[in-house]
Amino acid sequence: MLRTVLFGVIFGWVGLMFSVQILASNLSEDHLDSQAIFSYIRKYHRLVPSKDARVISESLVSQSYTHHVDPKLMAALIAVESGFKKDAVSRCGAKGLGQLMDGTYRRFSIKNPFDIHENISATYQYMKKLVTMWEGEASQLTLVLASYLKGETFVKKQKNQLSPVTIRYTQLILKCYQDLCTMRTQHSREVATILAAQEKNANGIDNTQENSN
């Protein structure tokens, strides 16, 4: 009987420690950003297939290291541009997640604008170009987003007189970005709470094992 109890305690302890390790890895920056983006898509864009939502969120995070742009900001941009529909085509011919015109995605050597990874890559490259172009400006982010919508040449001429439509566009993206940051924080807290509870249980089992000995 005692042997059975001891084996049960040992295996229970091992199982809990394994769970703690998994949860600890879930606290990584990559996972938190990816999960926040995935949860955002599933909550606000329910028509997007779960598989696509997962691929989009993971691609946004993995490519952020190459281009050094916050993946949550990119997700907010895509939310407004296409609603995360990989096959979206606008009336003016903009294609895919980032709603890229033919000349734009070809500029970045992209062959298939409807491929999730390729479109995200071109969208990142274009955004990075705009971020660099407006570096040092007090309203850099607004100008970057306005340039994405209207084109950098147009915004250079009108940067002090952005239209109400353009301002509304930038505000909408920033609202989506704020929502994504909030979801990321909530997910981080949830995982941390579960992790703390698992660690407490693991310590309790460890003490039980010592008492049994």
C-alpha atoms as a PDB file:
ATOM      1  CA  MET A   1       0.000   0.000   0.000  1.00  0.00           C
ATOM      2  CA  LEU A   2       2.801   2.397   0.975  1.00  0.00           C
ATOM      3  CA  ARG A   3       4.694   1.539  -2.228  1.00  0.00           C
ATOM      4  CA  THR A   4       1.608   2.318  -4.300  1.00  0.00           C
ATOM      5  CA  VAL A   5       1.202   5.677  -2.568  1.00  0.00           C
ATOM      6  CA  LEU A   6       4.870   6.533  -3.082  1.00  0.00           C
ATOM      7  CA  PHE A   7       4.742   5.667  -6.789  1.00  0.00           C
ATOM      8  CA  GLY A   8       1.602   7.767  -7.128  1.00  0.00           C
ATOM      9  CA  VAL A   9       3.273  10.723  -5.417  1.00  0.00           C
ATOM     10  CA  ILE A  10       6.418  10.406  -7.537  1.00  0.00           C
ATOM     11  CA  PHE A  11       4.563  10.165 -10.852  1.00  0.00           C
ATOM     12  CA  GLY A  12       2.259  12.997  -9.816  1.00  0.00           C
ATOM     13  CA  TRP A  13       5.264  15.173  -8.989  1.00  0.00           C
ATOM     14  CA  VAL A  14       6.931  14.371 -12.325  1.00  0.00           C
ATOM     15  CA  GLY A  15       3.730  15.175 -14.194  1.00  0.00           C
ATOM     16  CA  LEU A  16       3.346  18.512 -12.468  1.00  0.00           C
ATOM     17  CA  MET A  17       6.972  19.474 -13.052  1.00  0.00           C
ATOM     18  CA  PHE A  18       6.539  18.640 -16.748  1.00  0.00           C
ATOM     19  CA  SER A  19       3.455  20.883 -16.850  1.00  0.00           C
ATOM     20  CA  VAL A  20       5.385  23.675 -15.148  1.00  0.00           C
ATOM     21  CA  GLN A  21       8.138  23.452 -17.752  1.00  0.00           C
ATOM     22  CA  ILE A  22       5.595  23.651 -20.592  1.00  0.00           C
ATOM     23  CA  LEU A  23       3.883  26.647 -19.019  1.00  0.00           C
ATOM     24  CA  ALA A  24       7.201  28.354 -18.424  1.00  0.00           C
ATOM     25  CA  SER A  25       8.017  28.065 -22.114  1.00  0.00           C
ATOM     26  CA  ASN A  26       4.600  29.560 -22.867  1.00  0.00           C
ATOM     27  CA  LEU A  27       5.717  32.766 -21.154  1.00  0.00           C
ATOM     28  CA  SER A  28       8.259  33.438 -23.898  1.00  0.00           C
ATOM     29  CA  GLU A  29       7.879  36.659 -25.866  1.00  0.00           C
ATOM     30  CA  ASP A  30       7.276  34.706 -29.073  1.00  0.00           C
ATOM     31  CA  HIS A  31       4.458  32.650 -27.639  1.00  0.00           C
ATOM     32  CA  LEU A  32       2.734  35.581 -25.964  1.00  0.00           C
ATOM     33  CA  ASP A  33       2.719  37.662 -29.161  1.00  0.00           C
ATOM     34  CA  SER A  34       1.651  34.728 -31.324  1.00  0.00           C
ATOM     35  CA  GLN A  35      -1.139  33.721 -28.954  1.00  0.00           C
ATOM     36  CA  ALA A  36      -2.380  37.299 -28.642  1.00  0.00           C
ATOM     37  CA  ILE A  37      -2.586  37.660 -32.430  1.00  0.00           C
ATOM     38  CA  PHE A  38      -4.236  34.253 -32.847  1.00  0.00           C
ATOM     39  CA  SER A  39      -6.804  35.022 -30.107  1.00  0.00           C
ATOM     40  CA  TYR A  40      -7.502  38.425 -31.648  1.00  0.00           C
ATOM     41  CA  ILE A  41      -8.186  36.901 -35.059  1.00  0.00           C
ATOM     42  CA  ARG A  42     -10.463  34.206 -33.604  1.00  0.00           C
ATOM     43  CA  LYS A  43     -12.386  36.783 -31.553  1.00  0.00           C
ATOM     44  CA  TYR A  44     -12.867  39.581 -34.070  1.00  0.00           C
ATOM     45  CA  HIS A  45     -12.514  37.813 -37.443  1.00  0.00           C
ATOM     46  CA  ARG A  46     -14.330  34.533 -36.932  1.00  0.00           C
ATOM     47  CA  LEU A  47     -14.708  33.752 -40.624  1.00  0.00           C
ATOM     48  CA  VAL A  48     -10.947  33.276 -40.917  1.00  0.00           C
ATOM     49  CA  PRO A  49     -10.187  29.525 -40.653  1.00  0.00           C
ATOM     50  CA  SER A  50      -8.406  28.548 -37.460  1.00  0.00           C
ATOM     51  CA  LYS A  51      -5.552  27.015 -39.457  1.00  0.00           C
ATOM     52  CA  ASP A  52      -4.982  30.285 -41.355  1.00  0.00           C
ATOM     53  CA  ALA A  53      -5.172  32.266 -38.115  1.00  0.00           C
ATOM     54  CA  ARG A  54      -2.446  30.105 -36.610  1.00  0.00           C
ATOM     55  CA  VAL A  55      -0.197  30.335 -39.674  1.00  0.00           C
ATOM     56  CA  ILE A  56      -0.667  34.114 -39.868  1.00  0.00           C
ATOM     57  CA  SER A  57       0.103  34.675 -36.181  1.00  0.00           C
ATOM     58  CA  GLU A  58       3.200  32.476 -36.257  1.00  0.00           C
ATOM     59  CA  SER A  59       4.475  34.014 -39.497  1.00  0.00           C
ATOM     60  CA  LEU A  60       4.032  37.539 -38.149  1.00  0.00           C
ATOM     61  CA  VAL A  61       6.058  36.696 -35.062  1.00  0.00           C
ATOM     62  CA  SER A  62       8.815  34.744 -36.799  1.00  0.00           C
ATOM     63  CA  GLN A  63       9.357  37.443 -39.448  1.00  0.00           C
ATOM     64  CA  SER A  64       9.412  40.264 -36.899  1.00  0.00           C
ATOM     65  CA  TYR A  65      12.990  39.346 -35.977  1.00  0.00           C
ATOM     66  CA  THR A  66      14.161  39.920 -39.524  1.00  0.00           C
ATOM     67  CA  HIS A  67      12.445  43.252 -40.009  1.00  0.00           C
ATOM     68  CA  HIS A  68      12.400  44.588 -36.421  1.00  0.00           C
ATOM     69  CA  VAL A  69       8.799  45.761 -36.431  1.00  0.00           C
ATOM     70  CA  ASP A  70       6.356  44.849 -33.655  1.00  0.00           C
ATOM     71  CA  PRO A  71       4.261  41.884 -34.936  1.00  0.00           C
ATOM     72  CA  LYS A  72       1.219  43.203 -33.059  1.00  0.00           C
ATOM     73  CA  LEU A  73       1.398  46.458 -35.020  1.00  0.00           C
ATOM     74  CA  MET A  74       1.641  44.446 -38.236  1.00  0.00           C
ATOM     75  CA  ALA A  75      -1.356  42.381 -37.160  1.00  0.00           C
ATOM     76  CA  ALA A  76      -3.311  45.585 -36.485  1.00  0.00           C
ATOM     77  CA  LEU A  77      -2.425  46.879 -39.948  1.00  0.00           C
ATOM     78  CA  ILE A  78      -3.543  43.633 -41.594  1.00  0.00           C
ATOM     79  CA  ALA A  79      -6.752  43.611 -39.536  1.00  0.00           C
ATOM     80  CA  VAL A  80      -7.730  46.969 -41.020  1.00  0.00           C
ATOM     81  CA  GLU A  81      -6.426  46.279 -44.530  1.00  0.00           C
ATOM     82  CA  SER A  82      -7.902  42.827 -45.206  1.00  0.00           C
ATOM     83  CA  GLY A  83      -9.521  41.460 -42.067  1.00  0.00           C
ATOM     84  CA  PHE A  84      -6.913  38.657 -42.223  1.00  0.00           C
ATOM     85  CA  LYS A  85      -8.371  37.300 -45.475  1.00  0.00           C
ATOM     86  CA  LYS A  86      -5.419  35.892 -47.377  1.00  0.00           C
ATOM     87  CA  ASP A  87      -7.242  35.986 -50.728  1.00  0.00           C
ATOM     88  CA  ALA A  88      -8.668  39.502 -50.362  1.00  0.00           C
ATOM     89  CA  VAL A  89      -8.665  41.738 -53.460  1.00  0.00           C
ATOM     90  CA  SER A  90      -9.742  45.372 -53.310  1.00  0.00           C
ATOM     91  CA  ARG A  91     -11.550  47.337 -56.020  1.00  0.00           C
ATOM     92  CA  CYS A  92      -8.276  48.978 -56.989  1.00  0.00           C
ATOM     93  CA  GLY A  93      -6.466  45.643 -57.245  1.00  0.00           C
ATOM     94  CA  ALA A  94      -4.609  45.494 -53.898  1.00  0.00           C
ATOM     95  CA  LYS A  95      -4.016  41.855 -52.963  1.00  0.00           C
ATOM     96  CA  GLY A  96      -3.687  39.584 -49.966  1.00  0.00           C
ATOM     97  CA  LEU A  97      -3.289  40.172 -46.244  1.00  0.00           C
ATOM     98  CA  GLY A  98      -1.415  43.468 -46.508  1.00  0.00           C
ATOM     99  CA  GLN A  99      -3.432  44.618 -49.541  1.00  0.00           C
ATOM    100  CA  LEU A 100      -0.355  45.195 -51.669  1.00  0.00           C
ATOM    101  CA  MET A 101      -0.485  46.657 -55.146  1.00  0.00           C
ATOM    102  CA  ASP A 102       1.314  44.757 -57.914  1.00  0.00           C
ATOM    103  CA  GLY A 103       4.185  47.213 -58.086  1.00  0.00           C
ATOM    104  CA  THR A 104       4.699  47.100 -54.321  1.00  0.00           C
ATOM    105  CA  TYR A 105       4.960  43.353 -53.827  1.00  0.00           C
ATOM    106  CA  ARG A 106       7.042  42.932 -56.980  1.00  0.00           C
ATOM    107  CA  ARG A 107       9.434  45.543 -55.628  1.00  0.00           C
ATOM    108  CA  PHE A 108      10.173  43.112 -52.809  1.00  0.00           C
ATOM    109  CA  SER A 109      10.546  40.056 -55.089  1.00  0.00           C
ATOM    110  CA  ILE A 110       7.242  38.457 -54.062  1.00  0.00           C
ATOM    111  CA  LYS A 111       5.706  36.153 -56.663  1.00  0.00           C
ATOM    112  CA  ASN A 112       2.459  35.108 -54.997  1.00  0.00           C
ATOM    113  CA  PRO A 113       0.669  37.860 -53.041  1.00  0.00           C
ATOM    114  CA  PHE A 114      -1.930  35.354 -51.824  1.00  0.00           C
ATOM    115  CA  ASP A 115       0.640  33.220 -50.058  1.00  0.00           C
ATOM    116  CA  ILE A 116       0.511  34.035 -46.343  1.00  0.00           C
ATOM    117  CA  HIS A 117       4.268  34.026 -45.737  1.00  0.00           C
ATOM    118  CA  GLU A 118       5.159  35.898 -48.922  1.00  0.00           C
ATOM    119  CA  ASN A 119       2.554  38.595 -48.425  1.00  0.00           C
ATOM    120  CA  ILE A 120       3.562  39.110 -44.806  1.00  0.00           C
ATOM    121  CA  SER A 121       7.198  39.333 -45.892  1.00  0.00           C
ATOM    122  CA  ALA A 122       6.451  42.060 -48.443  1.00  0.00           C
ATOM    123  CA  THR A 123       4.209  43.903 -45.970  1.00  0.00           C
ATOM    124  CA  TYR A 124       6.992  43.854 -43.395  1.00  0.00           C
ATOM    125  CA  GLN A 125       9.554  45.072 -45.922  1.00  0.00           C
ATOM    126  CA  TYR A 126       7.346  47.943 -47.013  1.00  0.00           C
ATOM    127  CA  MET A 127       6.577  48.923 -43.434  1.00  0.00           C
ATOM    128  CA  LYS A 128      10.255  48.793 -42.515  1.00  0.00           C
ATOM    129  CA  LYS A 129      11.034  51.059 -45.468  1.00  0.00           C
ATOM    130  CA  LEU A 130       8.424  53.564 -44.269  1.00  0.00           C
ATOM    131  CA  VAL A 131       9.620  53.409 -40.652  1.00  0.00           C
ATOM    132  CA  THR A 132      13.153  54.213 -41.805  1.00  0.00           C
ATOM    133  CA  MET A 133      11.956  56.992 -44.109  1.00  0.00           C
ATOM    134  CA  TRP A 134      10.053  58.812 -41.339  1.00  0.00           C
ATOM    135  CA  GLU A 135      12.647  58.230 -38.627  1.00  0.00           C
ATOM    136  CA  GLY A 136      13.109  61.293 -36.447  1.00  0.00           C
ATOM    137  CA  GLU A 137       9.648  62.732 -37.098  1.00  0.00           C
ATOM    138  CA  ALA A 138       7.603  63.588 -34.004  1.00  0.00           C
ATOM    139  CA  SER A 139       4.525  61.883 -35.484  1.00  0.00           C
ATOM    140  CA  GLN A 140       6.503  59.038 -37.062  1.00  0.00           C
ATOM    141  CA  LEU A 141       3.975  56.250 -36.567  1.00  0.00           C
ATOM    142  CA  THR A 142       1.085  58.312 -37.919  1.00  0.00           C
ATOM    143  CA  LEU A 143       3.137  59.226 -40.998  1.00  0.00           C
ATOM    144  CA  VAL A 144       4.198  55.605 -41.501  1.00  0.00           C
ATOM    145  CA  LEU A 145       0.607  54.386 -41.453  1.00  0.00           C
ATOM    146  CA  ALA A 146      -0.605  57.276 -43.596  1.00  0.00           C
ATOM    147  CA  SER A 147       2.117  56.479 -46.146  1.00  0.00           C
ATOM    148  CA  TYR A 148       1.046  52.842 -46.204  1.00  0.00           C
ATOM    149  CA  LEU A 149      -2.460  53.966 -47.109  1.00  0.00           C
ATOM    150  CA  LYS A 150      -1.768  56.874 -49.472  1.00  0.00           C
ATOM    151  CA  GLY A 151       1.804  56.296 -50.624  1.00  0.00           C
ATOM    152  CA  GLU A 152       4.963  57.927 -49.321  1.00  0.00           C
ATOM    153  CA  THR A 153       5.195  60.489 -52.145  1.00  0.00           C
ATOM    154  CA  PHE A 154       1.698  61.811 -51.481  1.00  0.00           C
ATOM    155  CA  VAL A 155       2.227  62.010 -47.705  1.00  0.00           C
ATOM    156  CA  LYS A 156       5.541  63.853 -48.128  1.00  0.00           C
ATOM    157  CA  LYS A 157       3.596  66.611 -49.823  1.00  0.00           C
ATOM    158  CA  GLN A 158       0.624  66.564 -47.460  1.00  0.00           C
ATOM    159  CA  LYS A 159       2.097  65.422 -44.125  1.00  0.00           C
ATOM    160  CA  ASN A 160       0.839  68.533 -42.310  1.00  0.00           C
ATOM    161  CA  GLN A 161      -2.628  68.277 -43.839  1.00  0.00           C
ATOM    162  CA  LEU A 162      -3.693  64.649 -43.635  1.00  0.00           C
ATOM    163  CA  SER A 163      -7.296  64.063 -44.666  1.00  0.00           C
ATOM    164  CA  PRO A 164      -9.945  62.980 -42.121  1.00  0.00           C
ATOM    165  CA  VAL A 165     -10.129  59.591 -43.869  1.00  0.00           C
ATOM    166  CA  THR A 166      -6.387  59.068 -43.476  1.00  0.00           C
ATOM    167  CA  ILE A 167      -6.442  60.156 -39.833  1.00  0.00           C
ATOM    168  CA  ARG A 168      -9.350  57.799 -39.164  1.00  0.00           C
ATOM    169  CA  TYR A 169      -7.395  54.969 -40.821  1.00  0.00           C
ATOM    170  CA  THR A 170      -4.353  55.526 -38.589  1.00  0.00           C
ATOM    171  CA  GLN A 171      -6.531  55.780 -35.476  1.00  0.00           C
ATOM    172  CA  LEU A 172      -8.289  52.520 -36.322  1.00  0.00           C
ATOM    173  CA  ILE A 173      -4.989  50.675 -36.665  1.00  0.00           C
ATOM    174  CA  LEU A 174      -3.753  52.091 -33.364  1.00  0.00           C
ATOM    175  CA  LYS A 175      -7.003  50.987 -31.672  1.00  0.00           C
ATOM    176  CA  CYS A 176      -6.503  47.455 -32.987  1.00  0.00           C
ATOM    177  CA  TYR A 177      -2.899  47.572 -31.804  1.00  0.00           C
ATOM    178  CA  GLN A 178      -4.038  48.614 -28.336  1.00  0.00           C
ATOM    179  CA  ASP A 179      -6.514  45.713 -28.249  1.00  0.00           C
ATOM    180  CA  LEU A 180      -3.754  43.286 -29.240  1.00  0.00           C
ATOM    181  CA  CYS A 181      -1.448  44.594 -26.503  1.00  0.00           C
ATOM    182  CA  THR A 182      -4.256  44.204 -23.970  1.00  0.00           C
ATOM    183  CA  MET A 183      -4.888  40.606 -25.034  1.00  0.00           C
ATOM    184  CA  ARG A 184      -1.186  39.853 -24.769  1.00  0.00           C
ATOM    185  CA  THR A 185      -1.059  41.226 -21.220  1.00  0.00           C
ATOM    186  CA  GLN A 186      -4.136  39.236 -20.211  1.00  0.00           C
ATOM    187  CA  HIS A 187      -2.707  36.024 -21.627  1.00  0.00           C
ATOM    188  CA  SER A 188       0.596  36.619 -19.844  1.00  0.00           C
ATOM    189  CA  ARG A 189      -1.183  37.059 -16.519  1.00  0.00           C
ATOM    190  CA  GLU A 190      -3.324  33.947 -17.033  1.00  0.00           C
ATOM    191  CA  VAL A 191      -0.339  31.768 -17.805  1.00  0.00           C
ATOM    192  CA  ALA A 192       1.648  33.214 -14.895  1.00  0.00           C
ATOM    193  CA  THR A 193      -1.254  32.494 -12.519  1.00  0.00           C
ATOM    194  CA  ILE A 194      -1.528  28.887 -13.681  1.00  0.00           C
ATOM    195  CA  LEU A 195       2.239  28.486 -13.463  1.00  0.00           C
ATOM    196  CA  ALA A 196       2.282  29.747  -9.873  1.00  0.00           C
ATOM    197  CA  ALA A 197      -0.520  27.333  -8.935  1.00  0.00           C
ATOM    198  CA  GLN A 198       1.306  24.426 -10.577  1.00  0.00           C
ATOM    199  CA  GLU A 199       4.510  25.274  -8.730  1.00  0.00           C
ATOM    200  CA  LYS A 200       2.603  25.444  -5.443  1.00  0.00           C
ATOM    201  CA  ASN A 201       1.062  22.029  -6.077  1.00  0.00           C
ATOM    202  CA  ALA A 202       4.447  20.608  -7.041  1.00  0.00           C
ATOM    203  CA  ASN A 203       5.941  21.881  -3.782  1.00  0.00           C
ATOM    204  CA  GLY A 204       3.040  20.352  -1.888  1.00  0.00           C
ATOM    205  CA  ILE A 205       3.623  16.947  -3.468  1.00  0.00           C
ATOM    206  CA  ASP A 206       7.345  17.257  -2.757  1.00  0.00           C
ATOM    207  CA  ASN A 207       6.588  17.863   0.923  1.00  0.00           C
ATOM    208  CA  THR A 208       4.219  14.891   0.969  1.00  0.00           C
ATOM    209  CA  GLN A 209       6.980  12.679  -0.428  1.00  0.00           C
ATOM    210  CA  GLU A 210       9.390  13.842   2.296  1.00  0.00           C
ATOM    211  CA  ASN A 211       6.823  13.149   5.010  1.00  0.00           C
ATOM    212  CA  SER A 212       6.224   9.670   3.605  1.00  0.00           C
ATOM    213  CA  ASN A 213       9.930   8.963   3.872  1.00  0.00           C
END
